[in-house]
PDBML (XML) file of the C-alpha atoms, coordinates in Angstrom:
<?xml version="1.0" encoding="UTF-8" ?>
<PDBx:datablock datablockName="MODEL"
   xmlns:PDBx="http://pdbml.pdb.org/schema/pdbx-v50.xsd"
   xmlns:xsi="http://www.w3.org/2001/XMLSchema-instance"
   xsi:schemaLocation="http://pdbml.pdb.org/schema/pdbx-v50.xsd pdbx-v50.xsd">
   <PDBx:atom_siteCategory>
      <PDBx:atom_site id="1">
         <PDBx:B_iso_or_equiv>0.00</PDBx:B_iso_or_equiv>
         <PDBx:Cartn_x>128.031</PDBx:Cartn_x>
         <PDBx:Cartn_y>45.498</PDBx:Cartn_y>
         <PDBx:Cartn_z>139.617</PDBx:Cartn_z>
         <PDBx:auth_asym_id>A</PDBx:auth_asym_id>
         <PDBx:auth_atom_id>CA</PDBx:auth_atom_id>
         <PDBx:auth_comp_id>ALA</PDBx:auth_comp_id>
         <PDBx:auth_seq_id>1</PDBx:auth_seq_id>
         <PDBx:group_PDB>ATOM</PDBx:group_PDB>
         <PDBx:label_alt_id xsi:nil="true" />
         <PDBx:label_asym_id>A</PDBx:label_asym_id>
         <PDBx:label_atom_id>CA</PDBx:label_atom_id>
         <PDBx:label_comp_id>ALA</PDBx:label_comp_id>
         <PDBx:label_entity_id>1</PDBx:label_entity_id>
         <PDBx:label_seq_id>1</PDBx:label_seq_id>
         <PDBx:occupancy>1.00</PDBx:occupancy>
         <PDBx:pdbx_PDB_model_num>1</PDBx:pdbx_PDB_model_num>
         <PDBx:type_symbol>C</PDBx:type_symbol>
      </PDBx:atom_site>
      <PDBx:atom_site id="2">
         <PDBx:B_iso_or_equiv>0.00</PDBx:B_iso_or_equiv>
         <PDBx:Cartn_x>129.981</PDBx:Cartn_x>
         <PDBx:Cartn_y>43.897</PDBx:Cartn_y>
         <PDBx:Cartn_z>142.316</PDBx:Cartn_z>
         <PDBx:auth_asym_id>A</PDBx:auth_asym_id>
         <PDBx:auth_atom_id>CA</PDBx:auth_atom_id>
         <PDBx:auth_comp_id>VAL</PDBx:auth_comp_id>
         <PDBx:auth_seq_id>2</PDBx:auth_seq_id>
         <PDBx:group_PDB>ATOM</PDBx:group_PDB>
         <PDBx:label_alt_id xsi:nil="true" />
         <PDBx:label_asym_id>A</PDBx:label_asym_id>
         <PDBx:label_atom_id>CA</PDBx:label_atom_id>
         <PDBx:label_comp_id>VAL</PDBx:label_comp_id>
         <PDBx:label_entity_id>1</PDBx:label_entity_id>
         <PDBx:label_seq_id>2</PDBx:label_seq_id>
         <PDBx:occupancy>1.00</PDBx:occupancy>
         <PDBx:pdbx_PDB_model_num>1</PDBx:pdbx_PDB_model_num>
         <PDBx:type_symbol>C</PDBx:type_symbol>
      </PDBx:atom_site>
      <PDBx:atom_site id="3">
         <PDBx:B_iso_or_equiv>0.00</PDBx:B_iso_or_equiv>
         <PDBx:Cartn_x>128.413</PDBx:Cartn_x>
         <PDBx:Cartn_y>40.356</PDBx:Cartn_y>
         <PDBx:Cartn_z>142.018</PDBx:Cartn_z>
         <PDBx:auth_asym_id>A</PDBx:auth_asym_id>
         <PDBx:auth_atom_id>CA</PDBx:auth_atom_id>
         <PDBx:auth_comp_id>GLY</PDBx:auth_comp_id>
         <PDBx:auth_seq_id>3</PDBx:auth_seq_id>
         <PDBx:group_PDB>ATOM</PDBx:group_PDB>
         <PDBx:label_alt_id xsi:nil="true" />
         <PDBx:label_asym_id>A</PDBx:label_asym_id>
         <PDBx:label_atom_id>CA</PDBx:label_atom_id>
         <PDBx:label_comp_id>GLY</PDBx:label_comp_id>
         <PDBx:label_entity_id>1</PDBx:label_entity_id>
         <PDBx:label_seq_id>3</PDBx:label_seq_id>
         <PDBx:occupancy>1.00</PDBx:occupancy>
         <PDBx:pdbx_PDB_model_num>1</PDBx:pdbx_PDB_model_num>
         <PDBx:type_symbol>C</PDBx:type_symbol>
      </PDBx:atom_site>
      <PDBx:atom_site id="4">
         <PDBx:B_iso_or_equiv>0.00</PDBx:B_iso_or_equiv>
         <PDBx:Cartn_x>129.419</PDBx:Cartn_x>
         <PDBx:Cartn_y>40.265</PDBx:Cartn_y>
         <PDBx:Cartn_z>138.330</PDBx:Cartn_z>
         <PDBx:auth_asym_id>A</PDBx:auth_asym_id>
         <PDBx:auth_atom_id>CA</PDBx:auth_atom_id>
         <PDBx:auth_comp_id>MET</PDBx:auth_comp_id>
         <PDBx:auth_seq_id>4</PDBx:auth_seq_id>
         <PDBx:group_PDB>ATOM</PDBx:group_PDB>
         <PDBx:label_alt_id xsi:nil="true" />
         <PDBx:label_asym_id>A</PDBx:label_asym_id>
         <PDBx:label_atom_id>CA</PDBx:label_atom_id>
         <PDBx:label_comp_id>MET</PDBx:label_comp_id>
         <PDBx:label_entity_id>1</PDBx:label_entity_id>
         <PDBx:label_seq_id>4</PDBx:label_seq_id>
         <PDBx:occupancy>1.00</PDBx:occupancy>
         <PDBx:pdbx_PDB_model_num>1</PDBx:pdbx_PDB_model_num>
         <PDBx:type_symbol>C</PDBx:type_symbol>
      </PDBx:atom_site>
      <PDBx:atom_site id="5">
         <PDBx:B_iso_or_equiv>0.00</PDBx:B_iso_or_equiv>
         <PDBx:Cartn_x>132.995</PDBx:Cartn_x>
         <PDBx:Cartn_y>42.117</PDBx:Cartn_y>
         <PDBx:Cartn_z>138.962</PDBx:Cartn_z>
         <PDBx:auth_asym_id>A</PDBx:auth_asym_id>
         <PDBx:auth_atom_id>CA</PDBx:auth_atom_id>
         <PDBx:auth_comp_id>PHE</PDBx:auth_comp_id>
         <PDBx:auth_seq_id>5</PDBx:auth_seq_id>
         <PDBx:group_PDB>ATOM</PDBx:group_PDB>
         <PDBx:label_alt_id xsi:nil="true" />
         <PDBx:label_asym_id>A</PDBx:label_asym_id>
         <PDBx:label_atom_id>CA</PDBx:label_atom_id>
         <PDBx:label_comp_id>PHE</PDBx:label_comp_id>
         <PDBx:label_entity_id>1</PDBx:label_entity_id>
         <PDBx:label_seq_id>5</PDBx:label_seq_id>
         <PDBx:occupancy>1.00</PDBx:occupancy>
         <PDBx:pdbx_PDB_model_num>1</PDBx:pdbx_PDB_model_num>
         <PDBx:type_symbol>C</PDBx:type_symbol>
      </PDBx:atom_site>
      <PDBx:atom_site id="6">
         <PDBx:B_iso_or_equiv>0.00</PDBx:B_iso_or_equiv>
         <PDBx:Cartn_x>133.694</PDBx:Cartn_x>
         <PDBx:Cartn_y>39.156</PDBx:Cartn_y>
         <PDBx:Cartn_z>141.570</PDBx:Cartn_z>
         <PDBx:auth_asym_id>A</PDBx:auth_asym_id>
         <PDBx:auth_atom_id>CA</PDBx:auth_atom_id>
         <PDBx:auth_comp_id>VAL</PDBx:auth_comp_id>
         <PDBx:auth_seq_id>6</PDBx:auth_seq_id>
         <PDBx:group_PDB>ATOM</PDBx:group_PDB>
         <PDBx:label_alt_id xsi:nil="true" />
         <PDBx:label_asym_id>A</PDBx:label_asym_id>
         <PDBx:label_atom_id>CA</PDBx:label_atom_id>
         <PDBx:label_comp_id>VAL</PDBx:label_comp_id>
         <PDBx:label_entity_id>1</PDBx:label_entity_id>
         <PDBx:label_seq_id>6</PDBx:label_seq_id>
         <PDBx:occupancy>1.00</PDBx:occupancy>
         <PDBx:pdbx_PDB_model_num>1</PDBx:pdbx_PDB_model_num>
         <PDBx:type_symbol>C</PDBx:type_symbol>
      </PDBx:atom_site>
      <PDBx:atom_site id="7">
         <PDBx:B_iso_or_equiv>0.00</PDBx:B_iso_or_equiv>
         <PDBx:Cartn_x>132.400</PDBx:Cartn_x>
         <PDBx:Cartn_y>36.355</PDBx:Cartn_y>
         <PDBx:Cartn_z>139.244</PDBx:Cartn_z>
         <PDBx:auth_asym_id>A</PDBx:auth_asym_id>
         <PDBx:auth_atom_id>CA</PDBx:auth_atom_id>
         <PDBx:auth_comp_id>ALA</PDBx:auth_comp_id>
         <PDBx:auth_seq_id>7</PDBx:auth_seq_id>
         <PDBx:group_PDB>ATOM</PDBx:group_PDB>
         <PDBx:label_alt_id xsi:nil="true" />
         <PDBx:label_asym_id>A</PDBx:label_asym_id>
         <PDBx:label_atom_id>CA</PDBx:label_atom_id>
         <PDBx:label_comp_id>ALA</PDBx:label_comp_id>
         <PDBx:label_entity_id>1</PDBx:label_entity_id>
         <PDBx:label_seq_id>7</PDBx:label_seq_id>
         <PDBx:occupancy>1.00</PDBx:occupancy>
         <PDBx:pdbx_PDB_model_num>1</PDBx:pdbx_PDB_model_num>
         <PDBx:type_symbol>C</PDBx:type_symbol>
      </PDBx:atom_site>
      <PDBx:atom_site id="8">
         <PDBx:B_iso_or_equiv>0.00</PDBx:B_iso_or_equiv>
         <PDBx:Cartn_x>134.891</PDBx:Cartn_x>
         <PDBx:Cartn_y>38.041</PDBx:Cartn_y>
         <PDBx:Cartn_z>136.732</PDBx:Cartn_z>
         <PDBx:auth_asym_id>A</PDBx:auth_asym_id>
         <PDBx:auth_atom_id>CA</PDBx:auth_atom_id>
         <PDBx:auth_comp_id>TRP</PDBx:auth_comp_id>
         <PDBx:auth_seq_id>8</PDBx:auth_seq_id>
         <PDBx:group_PDB>ATOM</PDBx:group_PDB>
         <PDBx:label_alt_id xsi:nil="true" />
         <PDBx:label_asym_id>A</PDBx:label_asym_id>
         <PDBx:label_atom_id>CA</PDBx:label_atom_id>
         <PDBx:label_comp_id>TRP</PDBx:label_comp_id>
         <PDBx:label_entity_id>1</PDBx:label_entity_id>
         <PDBx:label_seq_id>8</PDBx:label_seq_id>
         <PDBx:occupancy>1.00</PDBx:occupancy>
         <PDBx:pdbx_PDB_model_num>1</PDBx:pdbx_PDB_model_num>
         <PDBx:type_symbol>C</PDBx:type_symbol>
      </PDBx:atom_site>
      <PDBx:atom_site id="9">
         <PDBx:B_iso_or_equiv>0.00</PDBx:B_iso_or_equiv>
         <PDBx:Cartn_x>137.774</PDBx:Cartn_x>
         <PDBx:Cartn_y>36.952</PDBx:Cartn_y>
         <PDBx:Cartn_z>138.860</PDBx:Cartn_z>
         <PDBx:auth_asym_id>A</PDBx:auth_asym_id>
         <PDBx:auth_atom_id>CA</PDBx:auth_atom_id>
         <PDBx:auth_comp_id>GLN</PDBx:auth_comp_id>
         <PDBx:auth_seq_id>9</PDBx:auth_seq_id>
         <PDBx:group_PDB>ATOM</PDBx:group_PDB>
         <PDBx:label_alt_id xsi:nil="true" />
         <PDBx:label_asym_id>A</PDBx:label_asym_id>
         <PDBx:label_atom_id>CA</PDBx:label_atom_id>
         <PDBx:label_comp_id>GLN</PDBx:label_comp_id>
         <PDBx:label_entity_id>1</PDBx:label_entity_id>
         <PDBx:label_seq_id>9</PDBx:label_seq_id>
         <PDBx:occupancy>1.00</PDBx:occupancy>
         <PDBx:pdbx_PDB_model_num>1</PDBx:pdbx_PDB_model_num>
         <PDBx:type_symbol>C</PDBx:type_symbol>
      </PDBx:atom_site>
      <PDBx:atom_site id="10">
         <PDBx:B_iso_or_equiv>0.00</PDBx:B_iso_or_equiv>
         <PDBx:Cartn_x>137.695</PDBx:Cartn_x>
         <PDBx:Cartn_y>33.932</PDBx:Cartn_y>
         <PDBx:Cartn_z>138.380</PDBx:Cartn_z>
         <PDBx:auth_asym_id>A</PDBx:auth_asym_id>
         <PDBx:auth_atom_id>CA</PDBx:auth_atom_id>
         <PDBx:auth_comp_id>GLY</PDBx:auth_comp_id>
         <PDBx:auth_seq_id>10</PDBx:auth_seq_id>
         <PDBx:group_PDB>ATOM</PDBx:group_PDB>
         <PDBx:label_alt_id xsi:nil="true" />
         <PDBx:label_asym_id>A</PDBx:label_asym_id>
         <PDBx:label_atom_id>CA</PDBx:label_atom_id>
         <PDBx:label_comp_id>GLY</PDBx:label_comp_id>
         <PDBx:label_entity_id>1</PDBx:label_entity_id>
         <PDBx:label_seq_id>10</PDBx:label_seq_id>
         <PDBx:occupancy>1.00</PDBx:occupancy>
         <PDBx:pdbx_PDB_model_num>1</PDBx:pdbx_PDB_model_num>
         <PDBx:type_symbol>C</PDBx:type_symbol>
      </PDBx:atom_site>
      <PDBx:atom_site id="11">
         <PDBx:B_iso_or_equiv>0.00</PDBx:B_iso_or_equiv>
         <PDBx:Cartn_x>136.359</PDBx:Cartn_x>
         <PDBx:Cartn_y>30.626</PDBx:Cartn_y>
         <PDBx:Cartn_z>138.345</PDBx:Cartn_z>
         <PDBx:auth_asym_id>A</PDBx:auth_asym_id>
         <PDBx:auth_atom_id>CA</PDBx:auth_atom_id>
         <PDBx:auth_comp_id>SER</PDBx:auth_comp_id>
         <PDBx:auth_seq_id>11</PDBx:auth_seq_id>
         <PDBx:group_PDB>ATOM</PDBx:group_PDB>
         <PDBx:label_alt_id xsi:nil="true" />
         <PDBx:label_asym_id>A</PDBx:label_asym_id>
         <PDBx:label_atom_id>CA</PDBx:label_atom_id>
         <PDBx:label_comp_id>SER</PDBx:label_comp_id>
         <PDBx:label_entity_id>1</PDBx:label_entity_id>
         <PDBx:label_seq_id>11</PDBx:label_seq_id>
         <PDBx:occupancy>1.00</PDBx:occupancy>
         <PDBx:pdbx_PDB_model_num>1</PDBx:pdbx_PDB_model_num>
         <PDBx:type_symbol>C</PDBx:type_symbol>
      </PDBx:atom_site>
      <PDBx:atom_site id="12">
         <PDBx:B_iso_or_equiv>0.00</PDBx:B_iso_or_equiv>
         <PDBx:Cartn_x>137.051</PDBx:Cartn_x>
         <PDBx:Cartn_y>30.065</PDBx:Cartn_y>
         <PDBx:Cartn_z>142.094</PDBx:Cartn_z>
         <PDBx:auth_asym_id>A</PDBx:auth_asym_id>
         <PDBx:auth_atom_id>CA</PDBx:auth_atom_id>
         <PDBx:auth_comp_id>LYS</PDBx:auth_comp_id>
         <PDBx:auth_seq_id>12</PDBx:auth_seq_id>
         <PDBx:group_PDB>ATOM</PDBx:group_PDB>
         <PDBx:label_alt_id xsi:nil="true" />
         <PDBx:label_asym_id>A</PDBx:label_asym_id>
         <PDBx:label_atom_id>CA</PDBx:label_atom_id>
         <PDBx:label_comp_id>LYS</PDBx:label_comp_id>
         <PDBx:label_entity_id>1</PDBx:label_entity_id>
         <PDBx:label_seq_id>12</PDBx:label_seq_id>
         <PDBx:occupancy>1.00</PDBx:occupancy>
         <PDBx:pdbx_PDB_model_num>1</PDBx:pdbx_PDB_model_num>
         <PDBx:type_symbol>C</PDBx:type_symbol>
      </PDBx:atom_site>
      <PDBx:atom_site id="13">
         <PDBx:B_iso_or_equiv>0.00</PDBx:B_iso_or_equiv>
         <PDBx:Cartn_x>134.800</PDBx:Cartn_x>
         <PDBx:Cartn_y>32.927</PDBx:Cartn_y>
         <PDBx:Cartn_z>142.870</PDBx:Cartn_z>
         <PDBx:auth_asym_id>A</PDBx:auth_asym_id>
         <PDBx:auth_atom_id>CA</PDBx:auth_atom_id>
         <PDBx:auth_comp_id>TYR</PDBx:auth_comp_id>
         <PDBx:auth_seq_id>13</PDBx:auth_seq_id>
         <PDBx:group_PDB>ATOM</PDBx:group_PDB>
         <PDBx:label_alt_id xsi:nil="true" />
         <PDBx:label_asym_id>A</PDBx:label_asym_id>
         <PDBx:label_atom_id>CA</PDBx:label_atom_id>
         <PDBx:label_comp_id>TYR</PDBx:label_comp_id>
         <PDBx:label_entity_id>1</PDBx:label_entity_id>
         <PDBx:label_seq_id>13</PDBx:label_seq_id>
         <PDBx:occupancy>1.00</PDBx:occupancy>
         <PDBx:pdbx_PDB_model_num>1</PDBx:pdbx_PDB_model_num>
         <PDBx:type_symbol>C</PDBx:type_symbol>
      </PDBx:atom_site>
      <PDBx:atom_site id="14">
         <PDBx:B_iso_or_equiv>0.00</PDBx:B_iso_or_equiv>
         <PDBx:Cartn_x>132.043</PDBx:Cartn_x>
         <PDBx:Cartn_y>32.696</PDBx:Cartn_y>
         <PDBx:Cartn_z>140.368</PDBx:Cartn_z>
         <PDBx:auth_asym_id>A</PDBx:auth_asym_id>
         <PDBx:auth_atom_id>CA</PDBx:auth_atom_id>
         <PDBx:auth_comp_id>ALA</PDBx:auth_comp_id>
         <PDBx:auth_seq_id>14</PDBx:auth_seq_id>
         <PDBx:group_PDB>ATOM</PDBx:group_PDB>
         <PDBx:label_alt_id xsi:nil="true" />
         <PDBx:label_asym_id>A</PDBx:label_asym_id>
         <PDBx:label_atom_id>CA</PDBx:label_atom_id>
         <PDBx:label_comp_id>ALA</PDBx:label_comp_id>
         <PDBx:label_entity_id>1</PDBx:label_entity_id>
         <PDBx:label_seq_id>14</PDBx:label_seq_id>
         <PDBx:occupancy>1.00</PDBx:occupancy>
         <PDBx:pdbx_PDB_model_num>1</PDBx:pdbx_PDB_model_num>
         <PDBx:type_symbol>C</PDBx:type_symbol>
      </PDBx:atom_site>
      <PDBx:atom_site id="15">
         <PDBx:B_iso_or_equiv>0.00</PDBx:B_iso_or_equiv>
         <PDBx:Cartn_x>129.514</PDBx:Cartn_x>
         <PDBx:Cartn_y>30.934</PDBx:Cartn_y>
         <PDBx:Cartn_z>143.092</PDBx:Cartn_z>
         <PDBx:auth_asym_id>A</PDBx:auth_asym_id>
         <PDBx:auth_atom_id>CA</PDBx:auth_atom_id>
         <PDBx:auth_comp_id>GLY</PDBx:auth_comp_id>
         <PDBx:auth_seq_id>15</PDBx:auth_seq_id>
         <PDBx:group_PDB>ATOM</PDBx:group_PDB>
         <PDBx:label_alt_id xsi:nil="true" />
         <PDBx:label_asym_id>A</PDBx:label_asym_id>
         <PDBx:label_atom_id>CA</PDBx:label_atom_id>
         <PDBx:label_comp_id>GLY</PDBx:label_comp_id>
         <PDBx:label_entity_id>1</PDBx:label_entity_id>
         <PDBx:label_seq_id>15</PDBx:label_seq_id>
         <PDBx:occupancy>1.00</PDBx:occupancy>
         <PDBx:pdbx_PDB_model_num>1</PDBx:pdbx_PDB_model_num>
         <PDBx:type_symbol>C</PDBx:type_symbol>
      </PDBx:atom_site>
      <PDBx:atom_site id="16">
         <PDBx:B_iso_or_equiv>0.00</PDBx:B_iso_or_equiv>
         <PDBx:Cartn_x>130.067</PDBx:Cartn_x>
         <PDBx:Cartn_y>33.993</PDBx:Cartn_y>
         <PDBx:Cartn_z>145.596</PDBx:Cartn_z>
         <PDBx:auth_asym_id>A</PDBx:auth_asym_id>
         <PDBx:auth_atom_id>CA</PDBx:auth_atom_id>
         <PDBx:auth_comp_id>ARG</PDBx:auth_comp_id>
         <PDBx:auth_seq_id>16</PDBx:auth_seq_id>
         <PDBx:group_PDB>ATOM</PDBx:group_PDB>
         <PDBx:label_alt_id xsi:nil="true" />
         <PDBx:label_asym_id>A</PDBx:label_asym_id>
         <PDBx:label_atom_id>CA</PDBx:label_atom_id>
         <PDBx:label_comp_id>ARG</PDBx:label_comp_id>
         <PDBx:label_entity_id>1</PDBx:label_entity_id>
         <PDBx:label_seq_id>16</PDBx:label_seq_id>
         <PDBx:occupancy>1.00</PDBx:occupancy>
         <PDBx:pdbx_PDB_model_num>1</PDBx:pdbx_PDB_model_num>
         <PDBx:type_symbol>C</PDBx:type_symbol>
      </PDBx:atom_site>
      <PDBx:atom_site id="17">
         <PDBx:B_iso_or_equiv>0.00</PDBx:B_iso_or_equiv>
         <PDBx:Cartn_x>129.910</PDBx:Cartn_x>
         <PDBx:Cartn_y>36.808</PDBx:Cartn_y>
         <PDBx:Cartn_z>142.479</PDBx:Cartn_z>
         <PDBx:auth_asym_id>A</PDBx:auth_asym_id>
         <PDBx:auth_atom_id>CA</PDBx:auth_atom_id>
         <PDBx:auth_comp_id>GLY</PDBx:auth_comp_id>
         <PDBx:auth_seq_id>17</PDBx:auth_seq_id>
         <PDBx:group_PDB>ATOM</PDBx:group_PDB>
         <PDBx:label_alt_id xsi:nil="true" />
         <PDBx:label_asym_id>A</PDBx:label_asym_id>
         <PDBx:label_atom_id>CA</PDBx:label_atom_id>
         <PDBx:label_comp_id>GLY</PDBx:label_comp_id>
         <PDBx:label_entity_id>1</PDBx:label_entity_id>
         <PDBx:label_seq_id>17</PDBx:label_seq_id>
         <PDBx:occupancy>1.00</PDBx:occupancy>
         <PDBx:pdbx_PDB_model_num>1</PDBx:pdbx_PDB_model_num>
         <PDBx:type_symbol>C</PDBx:type_symbol>
      </PDBx:atom_site>
      <PDBx:atom_site id="18">
         <PDBx:B_iso_or_equiv>0.00</PDBx:B_iso_or_equiv>
         <PDBx:Cartn_x>126.422</PDBx:Cartn_x>
         <PDBx:Cartn_y>34.752</PDBx:Cartn_y>
         <PDBx:Cartn_z>141.462</PDBx:Cartn_z>
         <PDBx:auth_asym_id>A</PDBx:auth_asym_id>
         <PDBx:auth_atom_id>CA</PDBx:auth_atom_id>
         <PDBx:auth_comp_id>ALA</PDBx:auth_comp_id>
         <PDBx:auth_seq_id>18</PDBx:auth_seq_id>
         <PDBx:group_PDB>ATOM</PDBx:group_PDB>
         <PDBx:label_alt_id xsi:nil="true" />
         <PDBx:label_asym_id>A</PDBx:label_asym_id>
         <PDBx:label_atom_id>CA</PDBx:label_atom_id>
         <PDBx:label_comp_id>ALA</PDBx:label_comp_id>
         <PDBx:label_entity_id>1</PDBx:label_entity_id>
         <PDBx:label_seq_id>18</PDBx:label_seq_id>
         <PDBx:occupancy>1.00</PDBx:occupancy>
         <PDBx:pdbx_PDB_model_num>1</PDBx:pdbx_PDB_model_num>
         <PDBx:type_symbol>C</PDBx:type_symbol>
      </PDBx:atom_site>
      <PDBx:atom_site id="19">
         <PDBx:B_iso_or_equiv>0.00</PDBx:B_iso_or_equiv>
         <PDBx:Cartn_x>125.103</PDBx:Cartn_x>
         <PDBx:Cartn_y>34.564</PDBx:Cartn_y>
         <PDBx:Cartn_z>145.065</PDBx:Cartn_z>
         <PDBx:auth_asym_id>A</PDBx:auth_asym_id>
         <PDBx:auth_atom_id>CA</PDBx:auth_atom_id>
         <PDBx:auth_comp_id>GLY</PDBx:auth_comp_id>
         <PDBx:auth_seq_id>19</PDBx:auth_seq_id>
         <PDBx:group_PDB>ATOM</PDBx:group_PDB>
         <PDBx:label_alt_id xsi:nil="true" />
         <PDBx:label_asym_id>A</PDBx:label_asym_id>
         <PDBx:label_atom_id>CA</PDBx:label_atom_id>
         <PDBx:label_comp_id>GLY</PDBx:label_comp_id>
         <PDBx:label_entity_id>1</PDBx:label_entity_id>
         <PDBx:label_seq_id>19</PDBx:label_seq_id>
         <PDBx:occupancy>1.00</PDBx:occupancy>
         <PDBx:pdbx_PDB_model_num>1</PDBx:pdbx_PDB_model_num>
         <PDBx:type_symbol>C</PDBx:type_symbol>
      </PDBx:atom_site>
      <PDBx:atom_site id="20">
         <PDBx:B_iso_or_equiv>0.00</PDBx:B_iso_or_equiv>
         <PDBx:Cartn_x>126.038</PDBx:Cartn_x>
         <PDBx:Cartn_y>38.219</PDBx:Cartn_y>
         <PDBx:Cartn_z>145.371</PDBx:Cartn_z>
         <PDBx:auth_asym_id>A</PDBx:auth_asym_id>
         <PDBx:auth_atom_id>CA</PDBx:auth_atom_id>
         <PDBx:auth_comp_id>LEU</PDBx:auth_comp_id>
         <PDBx:auth_seq_id>20</PDBx:auth_seq_id>
         <PDBx:group_PDB>ATOM</PDBx:group_PDB>
         <PDBx:label_alt_id xsi:nil="true" />
         <PDBx:label_asym_id>A</PDBx:label_asym_id>
         <PDBx:label_atom_id>CA</PDBx:label_atom_id>
         <PDBx:label_comp_id>LEU</PDBx:label_comp_id>
         <PDBx:label_entity_id>1</PDBx:label_entity_id>
         <PDBx:label_seq_id>20</PDBx:label_seq_id>
         <PDBx:occupancy>1.00</PDBx:occupancy>
         <PDBx:pdbx_PDB_model_num>1</PDBx:pdbx_PDB_model_num>
         <PDBx:type_symbol>C</PDBx:type_symbol>
      </PDBx:atom_site>
      <PDBx:atom_site id="21">
         <PDBx:B_iso_or_equiv>0.00</PDBx:B_iso_or_equiv>
         <PDBx:Cartn_x>123.918</PDBx:Cartn_x>
         <PDBx:Cartn_y>39.151</PDBx:Cartn_y>
         <PDBx:Cartn_z>141.550</PDBx:Cartn_z>
         <PDBx:auth_asym_id>A</PDBx:auth_asym_id>
         <PDBx:auth_atom_id>CA</PDBx:auth_atom_id>
         <PDBx:auth_comp_id>VAL</PDBx:auth_comp_id>
         <PDBx:auth_seq_id>21</PDBx:auth_seq_id>
         <PDBx:group_PDB>ATOM</PDBx:group_PDB>
         <PDBx:label_alt_id xsi:nil="true" />
         <PDBx:label_asym_id>A</PDBx:label_asym_id>
         <PDBx:label_atom_id>CA</PDBx:label_atom_id>
         <PDBx:label_comp_id>VAL</PDBx:label_comp_id>
         <PDBx:label_entity_id>1</PDBx:label_entity_id>
         <PDBx:label_seq_id>21</PDBx:label_seq_id>
         <PDBx:occupancy>1.00</PDBx:occupancy>
         <PDBx:pdbx_PDB_model_num>1</PDBx:pdbx_PDB_model_num>
         <PDBx:type_symbol>C</PDBx:type_symbol>
      </PDBx:atom_site>
      <PDBx:atom_site id="22">
         <PDBx:B_iso_or_equiv>0.00</PDBx:B_iso_or_equiv>
         <PDBx:Cartn_x>120.469</PDBx:Cartn_x>
         <PDBx:Cartn_y>37.002</PDBx:Cartn_y>
         <PDBx:Cartn_z>143.523</PDBx:Cartn_z>
         <PDBx:auth_asym_id>A</PDBx:auth_asym_id>
         <PDBx:auth_atom_id>CA</PDBx:auth_atom_id>
         <PDBx:auth_comp_id>GLY</PDBx:auth_comp_id>
         <PDBx:auth_seq_id>22</PDBx:auth_seq_id>
         <PDBx:group_PDB>ATOM</PDBx:group_PDB>
         <PDBx:label_alt_id xsi:nil="true" />
         <PDBx:label_asym_id>A</PDBx:label_asym_id>
         <PDBx:label_atom_id>CA</PDBx:label_atom_id>
         <PDBx:label_comp_id>GLY</PDBx:label_comp_id>
         <PDBx:label_entity_id>1</PDBx:label_entity_id>
         <PDBx:label_seq_id>22</PDBx:label_seq_id>
         <PDBx:occupancy>1.00</PDBx:occupancy>
         <PDBx:pdbx_PDB_model_num>1</PDBx:pdbx_PDB_model_num>
         <PDBx:type_symbol>C</PDBx:type_symbol>
      </PDBx:atom_site>
      <PDBx:atom_site id="23">
         <PDBx:B_iso_or_equiv>0.00</PDBx:B_iso_or_equiv>
         <PDBx:Cartn_x>120.799</PDBx:Cartn_x>
         <PDBx:Cartn_y>38.489</PDBx:Cartn_y>
         <PDBx:Cartn_z>146.254</PDBx:Cartn_z>
         <PDBx:auth_asym_id>A</PDBx:auth_asym_id>
         <PDBx:auth_atom_id>CA</PDBx:auth_atom_id>
         <PDBx:auth_comp_id>ALA</PDBx:auth_comp_id>
         <PDBx:auth_seq_id>23</PDBx:auth_seq_id>
         <PDBx:group_PDB>ATOM</PDBx:group_PDB>
         <PDBx:label_alt_id xsi:nil="true" />
         <PDBx:label_asym_id>A</PDBx:label_asym_id>
         <PDBx:label_atom_id>CA</PDBx:label_atom_id>
         <PDBx:label_comp_id>ALA</PDBx:label_comp_id>
         <PDBx:label_entity_id>1</PDBx:label_entity_id>
         <PDBx:label_seq_id>23</PDBx:label_seq_id>
         <PDBx:occupancy>1.00</PDBx:occupancy>
         <PDBx:pdbx_PDB_model_num>1</PDBx:pdbx_PDB_model_num>
         <PDBx:type_symbol>C</PDBx:type_symbol>
      </PDBx:atom_site>
      <PDBx:atom_site id="24">
         <PDBx:B_iso_or_equiv>0.00</PDBx:B_iso_or_equiv>
         <PDBx:Cartn_x>120.779</PDBx:Cartn_x>
         <PDBx:Cartn_y>41.938</PDBx:Cartn_y>
         <PDBx:Cartn_z>145.033</PDBx:Cartn_z>
         <PDBx:auth_asym_id>A</PDBx:auth_asym_id>
         <PDBx:auth_atom_id>CA</PDBx:auth_atom_id>
         <PDBx:auth_comp_id>SER</PDBx:auth_comp_id>
         <PDBx:auth_seq_id>24</PDBx:auth_seq_id>
         <PDBx:group_PDB>ATOM</PDBx:group_PDB>
         <PDBx:label_alt_id xsi:nil="true" />
         <PDBx:label_asym_id>A</PDBx:label_asym_id>
         <PDBx:label_atom_id>CA</PDBx:label_atom_id>
         <PDBx:label_comp_id>SER</PDBx:label_comp_id>
         <PDBx:label_entity_id>1</PDBx:label_entity_id>
         <PDBx:label_seq_id>24</PDBx:label_seq_id>
         <PDBx:occupancy>1.00</PDBx:occupancy>
         <PDBx:pdbx_PDB_model_num>1</PDBx:pdbx_PDB_model_num>
         <PDBx:type_symbol>C</PDBx:type_symbol>
      </PDBx:atom_site>
      <PDBx:atom_site id="25">
         <PDBx:B_iso_or_equiv>0.00</PDBx:B_iso_or_equiv>
         <PDBx:Cartn_x>117.882</PDBx:Cartn_x>
         <PDBx:Cartn_y>40.961</PDBx:Cartn_y>
         <PDBx:Cartn_z>142.447</PDBx:Cartn_z>
         <PDBx:auth_asym_id>A</PDBx:auth_asym_id>
         <PDBx:auth_atom_id>CA</PDBx:auth_atom_id>
         <PDBx:auth_comp_id>LEU</PDBx:auth_comp_id>
         <PDBx:auth_seq_id>25</PDBx:auth_seq_id>
         <PDBx:group_PDB>ATOM</PDBx:group_PDB>
         <PDBx:label_alt_id xsi:nil="true" />
         <PDBx:label_asym_id>A</PDBx:label_asym_id>
         <PDBx:label_atom_id>CA</PDBx:label_atom_id>
         <PDBx:label_comp_id>LEU</PDBx:label_comp_id>
         <PDBx:label_entity_id>1</PDBx:label_entity_id>
         <PDBx:label_seq_id>25</PDBx:label_seq_id>
         <PDBx:occupancy>1.00</PDBx:occupancy>
         <PDBx:pdbx_PDB_model_num>1</PDBx:pdbx_PDB_model_num>
         <PDBx:type_symbol>C</PDBx:type_symbol>
      </PDBx:atom_site>
   </PDBx:atom_siteCategory>
</PDBx:datablock>
C-alpha cells in the first residue's frame, strides 16, 4: 500500500513506489 501510494504521487516517484511493492512481495 505504501509503494502504491508513493507511485501515485507522480511519475517522478513511480520507480520508488514500484521498488517498494516489489520488495514487499
